[in-house]
């Protein structure tokens, strides 16, 4: 399945990416445009992940990796 964030929000040095759904397999990082980002722990945000970045990732193919 191809995952692409359809919404994002920036808070200081963090970007929150919202997806229609997240993979069911385990993951700790994401890869977008060849760069790997560690996922910052977050709670109570359905189908969202947080990364330490100020870049925009809207509609960019995202790979979830261990």
N, C-alpha and C. Protein backbone atom coordinates (compact mmCIF):
# COMPACT_ATOMS: atom_id res chain seq x y z
N UNK A 1 0.83 -1.18 0.00
CA UNK A 1 0.00 0.00 0.00
C UNK A 1 0.88 1.25 0.00
N UNK A 2 0.44 2.27 -0.67
CA UNK A 2 1.17 3.54 -0.72
C UNK A 2 0.54 4.50 0.30
N UNK A 3 1.38 5.07 1.13
CA UNK A 3 0.93 6.02 2.15
C UNK A 3 1.40 7.42 1.79
N UNK A 4 0.48 8.37 1.83
CA UNK A 4 0.81 9.77 1.58
C UNK A 4 0.05 10.63 2.57
N UNK A 5 0.75 11.56 3.26
CA UNK A 5 0.03 12.45 4.18
C UNK A 5 -0.89 13.40 3.41
N UNK A 6 -2.11 13.53 3.88
CA UNK A 6 -3.06 14.43 3.21
C UNK A 6 -3.25 15.73 3.99
N UNK A 7 -2.67 15.79 5.19
CA UNK A 7 -2.76 17.01 6.00
C UNK A 7 -1.51 17.10 6.86
N UNK A 8 -1.10 18.32 7.15
CA UNK A 8 0.05 18.51 8.04
C UNK A 8 -0.11 19.79 8.83
N UNK A 9 0.56 19.81 9.99
CA UNK A 9 0.56 20.99 10.84
C UNK A 9 1.96 21.13 11.42
N UNK A 10 2.42 22.34 11.53
CA UNK A 10 3.75 22.59 12.07
C UNK A 10 3.64 23.26 13.44
N UNK A 11 4.43 22.74 14.39
CA UNK A 11 4.51 23.33 15.73
C UNK A 11 5.99 23.40 16.09
N UNK A 12 6.52 24.62 16.12
CA UNK A 12 7.95 24.85 16.36
C UNK A 12 8.78 24.02 15.38
N UNK A 13 9.62 23.10 15.89
CA UNK A 13 10.49 22.30 15.02
C UNK A 13 9.87 20.98 14.59
N UNK A 14 8.57 20.80 14.83
CA UNK A 14 7.92 19.52 14.56
C UNK A 14 6.88 19.66 13.47
N UNK A 15 6.70 18.58 12.73
CA UNK A 15 5.64 18.50 11.73
C UNK A 15 4.76 17.31 12.08
N UNK A 16 3.47 17.55 12.13
CA UNK A 16 2.49 16.49 12.36
C UNK A 16 1.92 16.12 10.99
N UNK A 17 2.02 14.85 10.66
CA UNK A 17 1.50 14.36 9.39
C UNK A 17 0.28 13.49 9.65
N UNK A 18 -0.80 13.75 8.93
CA UNK A 18 -2.01 12.95 9.08
C UNK A 18 -2.23 12.13 7.82
N UNK A 19 -2.50 10.84 8.02
CA UNK A 19 -2.73 9.89 6.94
C UNK A 19 -4.16 9.37 7.03
N UNK A 20 -4.67 8.86 5.93
CA UNK A 20 -5.99 8.23 5.96
C UNK A 20 -5.95 6.99 6.83
N UNK A 21 -4.82 6.27 6.80
CA UNK A 21 -4.60 5.13 7.68
C UNK A 21 -3.11 4.91 7.83
N UNK A 22 -2.74 4.20 8.89
CA UNK A 22 -1.34 3.87 9.16
C UNK A 22 -1.14 2.37 9.00
N UNK A 23 0.09 1.93 8.72
CA UNK A 23 0.32 0.49 8.57
C UNK A 23 0.06 -0.26 9.88
N UNK A 24 -0.31 -1.51 9.75
CA UNK A 24 -0.53 -2.34 10.93
C UNK A 24 0.75 -3.02 11.39
N UNK A 25 1.75 -3.09 10.52
CA UNK A 25 3.04 -3.68 10.89
C UNK A 25 3.85 -2.67 11.71
N UNK A 26 4.77 -3.16 12.55
CA UNK A 26 5.56 -2.25 13.40
C UNK A 26 6.48 -1.33 12.59
N UNK A 27 6.69 -0.14 13.09
CA UNK A 27 7.60 0.82 12.46
C UNK A 27 8.10 1.78 13.53
N UNK A 28 9.29 2.36 13.28
CA UNK A 28 9.88 3.34 14.20
C UNK A 28 10.28 4.62 13.47
N UNK A 29 10.42 4.50 12.16
CA UNK A 29 10.88 5.63 11.35
C UNK A 29 10.05 5.70 10.06
N UNK A 30 10.17 6.85 9.38
CA UNK A 30 9.58 6.97 8.05
C UNK A 30 10.67 7.43 7.08
N UNK A 31 10.45 7.12 5.83
CA UNK A 31 11.37 7.54 4.78
C UNK A 31 10.57 8.30 3.74
N UNK A 32 10.97 9.55 3.50
CA UNK A 32 10.32 10.40 2.51
C UNK A 32 11.41 11.04 1.67
N UNK A 33 11.30 10.89 0.35
CA UNK A 33 12.26 11.46 -0.60
C UNK A 33 13.70 11.10 -0.22
N UNK A 34 13.92 9.85 0.19
CA UNK A 34 15.26 9.38 0.48
C UNK A 34 15.81 9.74 1.85
N UNK A 35 15.09 10.54 2.61
CA UNK A 35 15.54 10.90 3.95
C UNK A 35 14.76 10.12 4.99
N UNK A 36 15.44 9.71 6.05
CA UNK A 36 14.82 8.94 7.12
C UNK A 36 14.60 9.85 8.33
N UNK A 37 13.39 9.77 8.89
CA UNK A 37 13.02 10.59 10.05
C UNK A 37 12.57 9.67 11.18
N UNK A 38 13.07 9.95 12.39
CA UNK A 38 12.61 9.24 13.58
C UNK A 38 11.23 9.79 13.95
N UNK A 39 10.35 8.91 14.38
CA UNK A 39 9.02 9.32 14.79
C UNK A 39 9.06 9.73 16.26
N UNK A 40 8.51 10.90 16.56
CA UNK A 40 8.44 11.42 17.92
C UNK A 40 7.17 10.84 18.58
N UNK A 41 7.29 10.28 19.79
CA UNK A 41 6.09 9.74 20.44
C UNK A 41 5.00 10.79 20.60
N UNK A 42 3.78 10.39 20.30
CA UNK A 42 2.63 11.28 20.44
C UNK A 42 1.41 10.43 20.80
N UNK A 43 0.40 11.07 21.35
CA UNK A 43 -0.78 10.35 21.84
C UNK A 43 -2.05 11.07 21.42
N UNK A 44 -3.11 10.30 21.30
CA UNK A 44 -4.45 10.84 21.02
C UNK A 44 -4.54 11.63 19.73
N UNK A 45 -3.82 11.19 18.72
CA UNK A 45 -3.93 11.82 17.39
C UNK A 45 -4.13 10.69 16.38
N UNK A 46 -5.36 10.50 15.98
CA UNK A 46 -5.70 9.37 15.11
C UNK A 46 -5.00 9.50 13.75
N UNK A 47 -4.33 8.42 13.36
CA UNK A 47 -3.65 8.32 12.07
C UNK A 47 -2.64 9.43 11.83
N UNK A 48 -2.00 9.88 12.89
CA UNK A 48 -0.99 10.94 12.78
C UNK A 48 0.35 10.45 13.30
N UNK A 49 1.41 11.01 12.75
CA UNK A 49 2.75 10.82 13.29
C UNK A 49 3.40 12.19 13.38
N UNK A 50 4.39 12.28 14.26
CA UNK A 50 5.11 13.54 14.47
C UNK A 50 6.58 13.29 14.17
N UNK A 51 7.19 14.20 13.41
CA UNK A 51 8.63 14.11 13.13
C UNK A 51 9.27 15.46 13.40
N UNK A 52 10.58 15.44 13.61
CA UNK A 52 11.33 16.66 13.86
C UNK A 52 11.80 17.21 12.52
N UNK A 53 11.00 18.10 11.94
CA UNK A 53 11.32 18.69 10.65
C UNK A 53 10.42 19.90 10.42
N UNK A 54 10.90 20.84 9.63
CA UNK A 54 10.10 21.99 9.23
C UNK A 54 9.68 21.92 7.77
N UNK A 55 10.05 20.83 7.09
CA UNK A 55 9.73 20.67 5.66
C UNK A 55 8.26 20.31 5.47
N UNK A 56 7.79 20.48 4.24
CA UNK A 56 6.43 20.09 3.89
C UNK A 56 6.45 18.73 3.20
N UNK A 57 5.53 17.85 3.59
CA UNK A 57 5.48 16.50 3.04
C UNK A 57 4.11 16.15 2.48
N UNK A 58 3.28 17.11 2.24
CA UNK A 58 1.93 16.84 1.74
C UNK A 58 1.98 16.04 0.45
N UNK A 59 1.20 14.97 0.44
CA UNK A 59 1.05 14.10 -0.74
C UNK A 59 2.34 13.47 -1.23
N UNK A 60 3.34 13.37 -0.38
CA UNK A 60 4.60 12.72 -0.78
C UNK A 60 4.59 11.28 -0.28
N UNK A 61 5.01 10.37 -1.13
CA UNK A 61 5.02 8.96 -0.78
C UNK A 61 5.88 8.71 0.45
N UNK A 62 5.32 7.99 1.41
CA UNK A 62 5.96 7.74 2.69
C UNK A 62 6.13 6.25 2.92
N UNK A 63 7.34 5.86 3.29
CA UNK A 63 7.62 4.46 3.60
C UNK A 63 7.83 4.34 5.11
N UNK A 64 7.13 3.41 5.73
CA UNK A 64 7.27 3.17 7.17
C UNK A 64 8.27 2.03 7.37
N UNK A 65 9.31 2.29 8.17
CA UNK A 65 10.39 1.31 8.33
C UNK A 65 10.72 1.11 9.81
N UNK A 66 11.40 0.00 10.09
CA UNK A 66 11.86 -0.29 11.46
C UNK A 66 13.14 0.41 11.66
